[in-house]
Amino acid sequence: MSDLWNSELSLPFPFEFMIQDTPRSLQTKNNKAREAWEKKVGELAGAHANELQEAYQIDSRPLAATIFYFPVAPMDGDVDNIIKPILDGMDKVIYPTDRLIERVVVQKFEPGVPWIFKSLTPILEAALEMERPSVYIRLDDDLAWREVP
């Protein structure tokens, strides 16, 4: 990776996409399923990045990740175990290393539990309307998370 950063080739942030599938857990004993999930995340992230900008440069800005999981039924396992395979899937596709992720927000939205979204982006709105199971992923570079009240 070059040390020179060209903002014109940088991906536009926030970067959002969604996946209609069940995320695989870091704790799974089925390594092939986890690896296939990471590959799927990378492929879908890369395809969306190419839709936004045909040629883009992976740069080393600090990022925050938001992951919303919409399961079909109450989730088996811990919600925190879905984070690492998702972030690893975007390595070398959206960022050079997931070490750049400074903040992660992850939440599950199980059926039957009431939730109110006060602000929806078009991608998040589409994720809410998508057939479950689905995962919404957003990466931000605005550094607002560094301003701790």
N, C-alpha and C. Protein backbone atom coordinates (compact mmCIF):
# COMPACT_ATOMS: atom_id res chain seq x y z
N MET A 1 0.83 -1.19 0.00
CA MET A 1 0.00 0.00 0.00
C MET A 1 0.87 1.25 0.00
N SER A 2 0.50 2.20 -0.78
CA SER A 2 1.27 3.44 -0.90
C SER A 2 1.03 4.32 0.32
N ASP A 3 2.05 5.09 0.68
CA ASP A 3 1.89 6.05 1.77
C ASP A 3 1.16 7.30 1.29
N LEU A 4 1.03 7.46 -0.02
CA LEU A 4 0.33 8.62 -0.57
C LEU A 4 -1.16 8.35 -0.60
N TRP A 5 -1.93 9.28 -0.07
CA TRP A 5 -3.37 9.11 -0.02
C TRP A 5 -4.01 10.10 -0.96
N ASN A 6 -4.81 9.61 -1.86
CA ASN A 6 -5.50 10.43 -2.84
C ASN A 6 -6.98 10.44 -2.48
N SER A 7 -7.48 11.57 -1.95
CA SER A 7 -8.86 11.64 -1.50
C SER A 7 -9.86 11.40 -2.63
N GLU A 8 -9.47 11.69 -3.87
CA GLU A 8 -10.37 11.46 -5.00
C GLU A 8 -10.58 9.97 -5.26
N LEU A 9 -9.65 9.13 -4.85
CA LEU A 9 -9.77 7.69 -5.02
C LEU A 9 -10.28 6.99 -3.76
N SER A 10 -10.53 7.76 -2.74
CA SER A 10 -10.99 7.20 -1.49
C SER A 10 -12.47 6.82 -1.59
N LEU A 11 -12.85 5.77 -0.92
CA LEU A 11 -14.26 5.40 -0.86
C LEU A 11 -15.06 6.47 -0.13
N PRO A 12 -16.27 6.71 -0.55
CA PRO A 12 -17.11 7.66 0.20
C PRO A 12 -17.62 7.00 1.48
N PHE A 13 -17.45 7.71 2.58
CA PHE A 13 -17.95 7.23 3.87
C PHE A 13 -19.06 8.16 4.32
N PRO A 14 -20.06 7.71 5.03
CA PRO A 14 -20.19 6.35 5.52
C PRO A 14 -20.41 5.35 4.39
N PHE A 15 -19.89 4.17 4.59
CA PHE A 15 -19.99 3.07 3.64
C PHE A 15 -20.95 2.05 4.24
N GLU A 16 -22.05 1.80 3.57
CA GLU A 16 -23.08 0.90 4.10
C GLU A 16 -23.43 -0.16 3.07
N PHE A 17 -23.68 -1.37 3.56
CA PHE A 17 -24.20 -2.43 2.72
C PHE A 17 -24.90 -3.46 3.61
N MET A 18 -25.60 -4.38 2.98
CA MET A 18 -26.32 -5.39 3.74
C MET A 18 -26.14 -6.75 3.11
N ILE A 19 -26.35 -7.76 3.93
CA ILE A 19 -26.20 -9.15 3.50
C ILE A 19 -27.42 -9.91 3.98
N GLN A 20 -28.05 -10.63 3.08
CA GLN A 20 -29.19 -11.46 3.48
C GLN A 20 -28.65 -12.85 3.77
N ASP A 21 -28.35 -13.09 5.03
CA ASP A 21 -27.78 -14.37 5.45
C ASP A 21 -27.60 -14.32 6.97
N THR A 22 -27.31 -15.46 7.55
CA THR A 22 -27.00 -15.55 8.97
C THR A 22 -25.50 -15.42 9.15
N PRO A 23 -25.04 -14.48 9.97
CA PRO A 23 -23.59 -14.35 10.18
C PRO A 23 -23.04 -15.57 10.91
N ARG A 24 -21.81 -15.90 10.61
CA ARG A 24 -21.16 -17.03 11.27
C ARG A 24 -20.39 -16.50 12.48
N SER A 25 -20.34 -17.32 13.49
CA SER A 25 -19.71 -16.95 14.74
C SER A 25 -18.22 -17.24 14.71
N LEU A 26 -17.48 -16.43 15.42
CA LEU A 26 -16.06 -16.68 15.62
C LEU A 26 -15.87 -18.01 16.35
N GLN A 27 -16.84 -18.40 17.16
CA GLN A 27 -16.75 -19.61 17.99
C GLN A 27 -17.15 -20.89 17.26
N THR A 28 -17.60 -20.80 16.01
CA THR A 28 -18.05 -21.99 15.31
C THR A 28 -16.93 -23.02 15.17
N LYS A 29 -17.30 -24.27 15.26
CA LYS A 29 -16.33 -25.34 15.05
C LYS A 29 -16.18 -25.63 13.56
N ASN A 30 -17.07 -25.08 12.74
CA ASN A 30 -17.04 -25.28 11.30
C ASN A 30 -16.23 -24.15 10.66
N ASN A 31 -14.92 -24.35 10.60
CA ASN A 31 -14.02 -23.32 10.06
C ASN A 31 -14.32 -23.00 8.60
N LYS A 32 -14.72 -24.00 7.82
CA LYS A 32 -15.02 -23.76 6.41
C LYS A 32 -16.22 -22.83 6.27
N ALA A 33 -17.23 -23.00 7.11
CA ALA A 33 -18.40 -22.12 7.06
C ALA A 33 -18.02 -20.70 7.45
N ARG A 34 -17.17 -20.54 8.46
CA ARG A 34 -16.73 -19.20 8.86
C ARG A 34 -15.89 -18.55 7.76
N GLU A 35 -15.00 -19.32 7.16
CA GLU A 35 -14.17 -18.79 6.07
C GLU A 35 -15.04 -18.41 4.87
N ALA A 36 -16.05 -19.21 4.56
CA ALA A 36 -16.96 -18.90 3.45
C ALA A 36 -17.75 -17.63 3.75
N TRP A 37 -18.14 -17.45 5.02
CA TRP A 37 -18.85 -16.24 5.42
C TRP A 37 -17.95 -15.01 5.26
N GLU A 38 -16.71 -15.10 5.74
CA GLU A 38 -15.76 -13.99 5.61
C GLU A 38 -15.57 -13.64 4.13
N LYS A 39 -15.45 -14.65 3.28
CA LYS A 39 -15.29 -14.43 1.84
C LYS A 39 -16.53 -13.73 1.28
N LYS A 40 -17.71 -14.16 1.70
CA LYS A 40 -18.95 -13.55 1.23
C LYS A 40 -19.03 -12.08 1.64
N VAL A 41 -18.66 -11.79 2.89
CA VAL A 41 -18.65 -10.40 3.36
C VAL A 41 -17.72 -9.57 2.48
N GLY A 42 -16.52 -10.07 2.24
CA GLY A 42 -15.55 -9.34 1.41
C GLY A 42 -16.04 -9.14 -0.01
N GLU A 43 -16.62 -10.18 -0.59
CA GLU A 43 -17.12 -10.06 -1.97
C GLU A 43 -18.25 -9.04 -2.07
N LEU A 44 -19.20 -9.08 -1.13
CA LEU A 44 -20.32 -8.14 -1.17
C LEU A 44 -19.86 -6.72 -0.86
N ALA A 45 -18.94 -6.57 0.09
CA ALA A 45 -18.39 -5.24 0.38
C ALA A 45 -17.66 -4.69 -0.84
N GLY A 46 -16.85 -5.53 -1.48
CA GLY A 46 -16.11 -5.11 -2.66
C GLY A 46 -17.03 -4.76 -3.82
N ALA A 47 -18.08 -5.54 -4.01
CA ALA A 47 -19.03 -5.27 -5.09
C ALA A 47 -19.74 -3.93 -4.84
N HIS A 48 -20.12 -3.68 -3.60
CA HIS A 48 -20.77 -2.40 -3.29
C HIS A 48 -19.79 -1.24 -3.46
N ALA A 49 -18.56 -1.43 -3.04
CA ALA A 49 -17.54 -0.37 -3.21
C ALA A 49 -17.37 -0.06 -4.69
N ASN A 50 -17.34 -1.09 -5.53
CA ASN A 50 -17.19 -0.87 -6.98
C ASN A 50 -18.40 -0.18 -7.59
N GLU A 51 -19.59 -0.41 -7.02
CA GLU A 51 -20.79 0.31 -7.48
C GLU A 51 -20.68 1.79 -7.16
N LEU A 52 -20.12 2.09 -5.99
CA LEU A 52 -19.99 3.49 -5.57
C LEU A 52 -18.90 4.21 -6.33
N GLN A 53 -17.80 3.51 -6.56
CA GLN A 53 -16.63 4.12 -7.19
C GLN A 53 -15.86 3.03 -7.92
N GLU A 54 -15.80 3.13 -9.23
CA GLU A 54 -15.21 2.07 -10.04
C GLU A 54 -13.78 1.74 -9.63
N ALA A 55 -12.99 2.77 -9.39
CA ALA A 55 -11.62 2.57 -8.92
C ALA A 55 -11.49 3.28 -7.58
N TYR A 56 -11.05 2.55 -6.58
CA TYR A 56 -10.88 3.18 -5.27
C TYR A 56 -9.59 2.71 -4.63
N GLN A 57 -9.10 3.55 -3.75
CA GLN A 57 -7.86 3.28 -3.02
C GLN A 57 -8.21 2.88 -1.60
N ILE A 58 -7.64 1.79 -1.14
CA ILE A 58 -7.79 1.41 0.26
C ILE A 58 -6.83 2.29 1.05
N ASP A 59 -7.36 3.02 2.01
CA ASP A 59 -6.48 3.90 2.79
C ASP A 59 -6.52 3.52 4.26
N SER A 60 -5.75 4.21 5.04
CA SER A 60 -5.52 3.82 6.44
C SER A 60 -6.16 4.77 7.44
N ARG A 61 -7.30 5.32 7.11
CA ARG A 61 -7.99 6.19 8.06
C ARG A 61 -8.60 5.35 9.19
N PRO A 62 -8.68 5.90 10.40
CA PRO A 62 -9.38 5.19 11.47
C PRO A 62 -10.87 5.11 11.13
N LEU A 63 -11.49 3.99 11.51
CA LEU A 63 -12.89 3.77 11.18
C LEU A 63 -13.69 3.28 12.39
N ALA A 64 -15.00 3.48 12.31
CA ALA A 64 -15.94 2.92 13.28
C ALA A 64 -16.87 1.99 12.49
N ALA A 65 -17.24 0.89 13.10
CA ALA A 65 -18.13 -0.08 12.45
C ALA A 65 -19.43 -0.20 13.24
N THR A 66 -20.53 -0.27 12.51
CA THR A 66 -21.83 -0.55 13.09
C THR A 66 -22.35 -1.81 12.41
N ILE A 67 -22.78 -2.77 13.21
CA ILE A 67 -23.30 -4.04 12.70
C ILE A 67 -24.64 -4.29 13.36
N PHE A 68 -25.69 -4.37 12.56
CA PHE A 68 -27.02 -4.71 13.05
C PHE A 68 -27.40 -6.06 12.46
N TYR A 69 -27.80 -6.99 13.34
CA TYR A 69 -28.20 -8.32 12.90
C TYR A 69 -29.69 -8.48 13.12
N PHE A 70 -30.39 -8.90 12.08
CA PHE A 70 -31.83 -9.13 12.11
C PHE A 70 -32.09 -10.62 11.91
N PRO A 71 -32.12 -11.40 13.02
CA PRO A 71 -32.32 -12.84 12.90
C PRO A 71 -33.79 -13.20 12.66
N VAL A 72 -34.01 -14.42 12.20
CA VAL A 72 -35.36 -14.95 11.98
C VAL A 72 -36.03 -15.27 13.31
N ALA A 73 -35.25 -15.73 14.26
CA ALA A 73 -35.76 -16.15 15.57
C ALA A 73 -34.76 -15.66 16.62
N PRO A 74 -35.10 -15.80 17.91
CA PRO A 74 -34.12 -15.42 18.93
C PRO A 74 -32.76 -16.06 18.63
N MET A 75 -31.74 -15.27 18.77
CA MET A 75 -30.38 -15.66 18.38
C MET A 75 -29.81 -16.71 19.30
N ASP A 76 -29.22 -17.75 18.71
CA ASP A 76 -28.42 -18.70 19.47
C ASP A 76 -27.02 -18.12 19.56
N GLY A 77 -26.41 -18.20 20.70
CA GLY A 77 -25.06 -17.68 20.84
C GLY A 77 -25.03 -16.21 21.20
N ASP A 78 -23.83 -15.70 21.29
CA ASP A 78 -23.60 -14.33 21.73
C ASP A 78 -23.42 -13.40 20.53
N VAL A 79 -24.04 -12.23 20.59
CA VAL A 79 -23.97 -11.28 19.49
C VAL A 79 -22.53 -10.81 19.23
N ASP A 80 -21.71 -10.76 20.26
CA ASP A 80 -20.33 -10.28 20.06
C ASP A 80 -19.49 -11.24 19.22
N ASN A 81 -19.90 -12.49 19.10
CA ASN A 81 -19.11 -13.46 18.33
C ASN A 81 -19.25 -13.30 16.82
N ILE A 82 -20.17 -12.46 16.37
CA ILE A 82 -20.30 -12.25 14.91
C ILE A 82 -19.40 -11.13 14.40
N ILE A 83 -18.80 -10.37 15.30
CA ILE A 83 -18.04 -9.19 14.90
C ILE A 83 -16.78 -9.53 14.11
N LYS A 84 -15.91 -10.33 14.67
CA LYS A 84 -14.59 -10.58 14.06
C LYS A 84 -14.68 -11.16 12.65
N PRO A 85 -15.53 -12.16 12.39
CA PRO A 85 -15.61 -12.65 11.00
C PRO A 85 -16.09 -11.59 10.01
N ILE A 86 -16.95 -10.69 10.44
CA ILE A 86 -17.41 -9.62 9.55
C ILE A 86 -16.27 -8.65 9.27
N LEU A 87 -15.58 -8.22 10.32
CA LEU A 87 -14.46 -7.28 10.13
C LEU A 87 -13.33 -7.92 9.32
N ASP A 88 -13.02 -9.18 9.61
CA ASP A 88 -11.97 -9.88 8.86
C ASP A 88 -12.33 -10.00 7.39
N GLY A 89 -13.61 -10.16 7.09
CA GLY A 89 -14.04 -10.28 5.70
C GLY A 89 -13.77 -9.04 4.87
N MET A 90 -13.69 -7.88 5.52
CA MET A 90 -13.45 -6.63 4.79
C MET A 90 -11.98 -6.25 4.72
N ASP A 91 -11.09 -7.03 5.40
CA ASP A 91 -9.64 -6.83 5.29
C ASP A 91 -9.20 -6.90 3.84
N LYS A 92 -8.34 -5.99 3.44
CA LYS A 92 -7.76 -5.94 2.09
C LYS A 92 -8.81 -5.65 1.01
N VAL A 93 -10.05 -5.38 1.41
CA VAL A 93 -11.11 -5.03 0.46
C VAL A 93 -11.54 -3.59 0.68
N ILE A 94 -11.83 -3.25 1.94
CA ILE A 94 -12.26 -1.89 2.30
C ILE A 94 -11.16 -1.16 3.07
N TYR A 95 -10.41 -1.88 3.85
CA TYR A 95 -9.29 -1.31 4.61
C TYR A 95 -8.15 -2.33 4.61
N PRO A 96 -6.92 -1.85 4.84
CA PRO A 96 -5.78 -2.76 4.78
C PRO A 96 -5.71 -3.74 5.95
N THR A 97 -6.27 -3.35 7.09
CA THR A 97 -6.28 -4.20 8.28
C THR A 97 -7.41 -3.75 9.20
N ASP A 98 -8.02 -4.71 9.90
CA ASP A 98 -9.09 -4.32 10.82
C ASP A 98 -8.56 -3.66 12.09
N ARG A 99 -7.26 -3.52 12.20
CA ARG A 99 -6.68 -2.76 13.32
C ARG A 99 -7.09 -1.29 13.25
N LEU A 100 -7.54 -0.85 12.09
CA LEU A 100 -7.98 0.54 11.92
C LEU A 100 -9.34 0.80 12.56
N ILE A 101 -10.05 -0.27 12.89
CA ILE A 101 -11.36 -0.11 13.52
C ILE A 101 -11.16 0.28 14.97
N GLU A 102 -11.58 1.50 15.31
CA GLU A 102 -11.43 2.02 16.67
C GLU A 102 -12.68 1.80 17.52
N ARG A 103 -13.81 1.63 16.85
CA ARG A 103 -15.07 1.52 17.59
C ARG A 103 -15.98 0.56 16.86
N VAL A 104 -16.67 -0.30 17.62
CA VAL A 104 -17.64 -1.22 17.04
C VAL A 104 -18.93 -1.12 17.85
N VAL A 105 -20.03 -0.93 17.13
CA VAL A 105 -21.36 -0.99 17.73
C VAL A 105 -22.05 -2.18 17.07
N VAL A 106 -22.52 -3.11 17.87
CA VAL A 106 -23.22 -4.28 17.34
C VAL A 106 -24.51 -4.47 18.12
N GLN A 107 -25.56 -4.80 17.40
CA GLN A 107 -26.85 -4.98 18.06
C GLN A 107 -27.66 -6.00 17.28
N LYS A 108 -28.42 -6.82 18.03
CA LYS A 108 -29.34 -7.76 17.39
C LYS A 108 -30.76 -7.21 17.55
N PHE A 109 -31.58 -7.47 16.54
CA PHE A 109 -32.96 -7.02 16.52
C PHE A 109 -33.83 -8.26 16.31
N GLU A 110 -34.12 -8.93 17.43
CA GLU A 110 -34.87 -10.17 17.34
C GLU A 110 -36.35 -9.90 17.08
N PRO A 111 -37.02 -10.82 16.38
CA PRO A 111 -38.44 -10.64 16.10
C PRO A 111 -39.25 -10.57 17.40
N GLY A 112 -40.28 -9.75 17.38
CA GLY A 112 -41.15 -9.61 18.53
C GLY A 112 -40.67 -8.59 19.55
N VAL A 113 -39.45 -8.09 19.41
CA VAL A 113 -38.93 -7.07 20.31
C VAL A 113 -39.14 -5.72 19.63
N PRO A 114 -39.87 -4.80 20.28
CA PRO A 114 -40.13 -3.51 19.62
C PRO A 114 -38.88 -2.62 19.60
N TRP A 115 -38.62 -2.02 18.43
CA TRP A 115 -37.50 -1.10 18.25
C TRP A 115 -38.01 0.13 17.54
N ILE A 116 -37.42 1.26 17.84
CA ILE A 116 -37.76 2.50 17.15
C ILE A 116 -36.48 3.07 16.56
N PHE A 117 -36.48 3.25 15.25
CA PHE A 117 -35.35 3.88 14.56
C PHE A 117 -35.78 5.32 14.26
N LYS A 118 -35.07 6.28 14.81
CA LYS A 118 -35.44 7.69 14.62
C LYS A 118 -34.81 8.29 13.37
N SER A 119 -33.79 7.66 12.87
CA SER A 119 -33.10 8.20 11.71
C SER A 119 -32.67 7.03 10.83
N LEU A 120 -33.16 6.99 9.60
CA LEU A 120 -32.85 5.89 8.70
C LEU A 120 -32.14 6.41 7.44
N THR A 121 -31.05 5.77 7.10
CA THR A 121 -30.46 6.00 5.79
C THR A 121 -31.21 5.10 4.81
N PRO A 122 -31.14 5.36 3.52
CA PRO A 122 -31.82 4.48 2.57
C PRO A 122 -31.36 3.01 2.66
N ILE A 123 -30.08 2.78 2.93
CA ILE A 123 -29.57 1.40 3.03
C ILE A 123 -30.11 0.72 4.29
N LEU A 124 -30.14 1.44 5.42
CA LEU A 124 -30.69 0.85 6.64
C LEU A 124 -32.19 0.58 6.47
N GLU A 125 -32.89 1.48 5.82
CA GLU A 125 -34.31 1.27 5.57
C GLU A 125 -34.52 0.01 4.72
N ALA A 126 -33.68 -0.18 3.71
CA ALA A 126 -33.77 -1.38 2.88
C ALA A 126 -33.46 -2.63 3.70
N ALA A 127 -32.49 -2.53 4.61
CA ALA A 127 -32.15 -3.67 5.46
C ALA A 127 -33.32 -4.04 6.36
N LEU A 128 -34.04 -3.04 6.86
CA LEU A 128 -35.20 -3.31 7.72
C LEU A 128 -36.32 -3.98 6.94
N GLU A 129 -36.41 -3.70 5.66
CA GLU A 129 -37.46 -4.28 4.82
C GLU A 129 -37.05 -5.62 4.21
N MET A 130 -35.77 -5.94 4.26
CA MET A 130 -35.26 -7.18 3.68
C MET A 130 -35.75 -8.38 4.48
N GLU A 131 -35.93 -9.48 3.78
CA GLU A 131 -36.31 -10.72 4.44
C GLU A 131 -35.19 -11.15 5.39
N ARG A 132 -35.57 -11.57 6.58
CA ARG A 132 -34.60 -12.05 7.56
C ARG A 132 -34.17 -13.46 7.23
N PRO A 133 -32.98 -13.88 7.62
CA PRO A 133 -31.97 -13.17 8.39
C PRO A 133 -31.19 -12.21 7.50
N SER A 134 -30.77 -11.11 8.10
CA SER A 134 -29.98 -10.14 7.37
C SER A 134 -29.05 -9.40 8.32
N VAL A 135 -28.02 -8.82 7.72
CA VAL A 135 -27.02 -8.07 8.47
C VAL A 135 -26.81 -6.74 7.75
N TYR A 136 -26.83 -5.66 8.53
CA TYR A 136 -26.53 -4.31 8.02
C TYR A 136 -25.16 -3.93 8.56
N ILE A 137 -24.29 -3.44 7.67
CA ILE A 137 -22.93 -3.06 8.06
C ILE A 137 -22.66 -1.64 7.59
N ARG A 138 -22.12 -0.84 8.50
CA ARG A 138 -21.80 0.56 8.18
C ARG A 138 -20.40 0.87 8.72
N LEU A 139 -19.59 1.51 7.89
CA LEU A 139 -18.28 1.99 8.32
C LEU A 139 -18.28 3.51 8.21
N ASP A 140 -17.78 4.17 9.25
CA ASP A 140 -17.70 5.64 9.30
C ASP A 140 -16.27 6.07 9.52
N ASP A 141 -15.94 7.25 8.96
CA ASP A 141 -14.59 7.80 9.13
C ASP A 141 -14.60 9.20 9.75
N ASP A 142 -15.73 9.65 10.30
CA ASP A 142 -15.84 11.04 10.74
C ASP A 142 -15.22 11.33 12.12
N LEU A 143 -14.76 10.35 12.81
CA LEU A 143 -14.07 10.47 14.11
C LEU A 143 -14.94 11.05 15.23
N ALA A 144 -16.24 11.17 15.03
CA ALA A 144 -17.13 11.70 16.08
C ALA A 144 -17.06 10.84 17.35
N TRP A 145 -16.75 9.54 17.19
CA TRP A 145 -16.67 8.67 18.36
C TRP A 145 -15.52 9.04 19.28
N ARG A 146 -14.57 9.85 18.81
CA ARG A 146 -13.46 10.27 19.66
C ARG A 146 -13.84 11.39 20.61
N GLU A 147 -15.02 11.98 20.45
CA GLU A 147 -15.50 13.05 21.32
C GLU A 147 -16.38 12.44 22.40
N VAL A 148 -15.75 12.01 23.47
CA VAL A 148 -16.46 11.34 24.55
C VAL A 148 -16.99 12.40 25.51
N PRO A 149 -18.32 12.36 25.78
CA PRO A 149 -18.88 13.39 26.68
C PRO A 149 -18.39 13.25 28.11
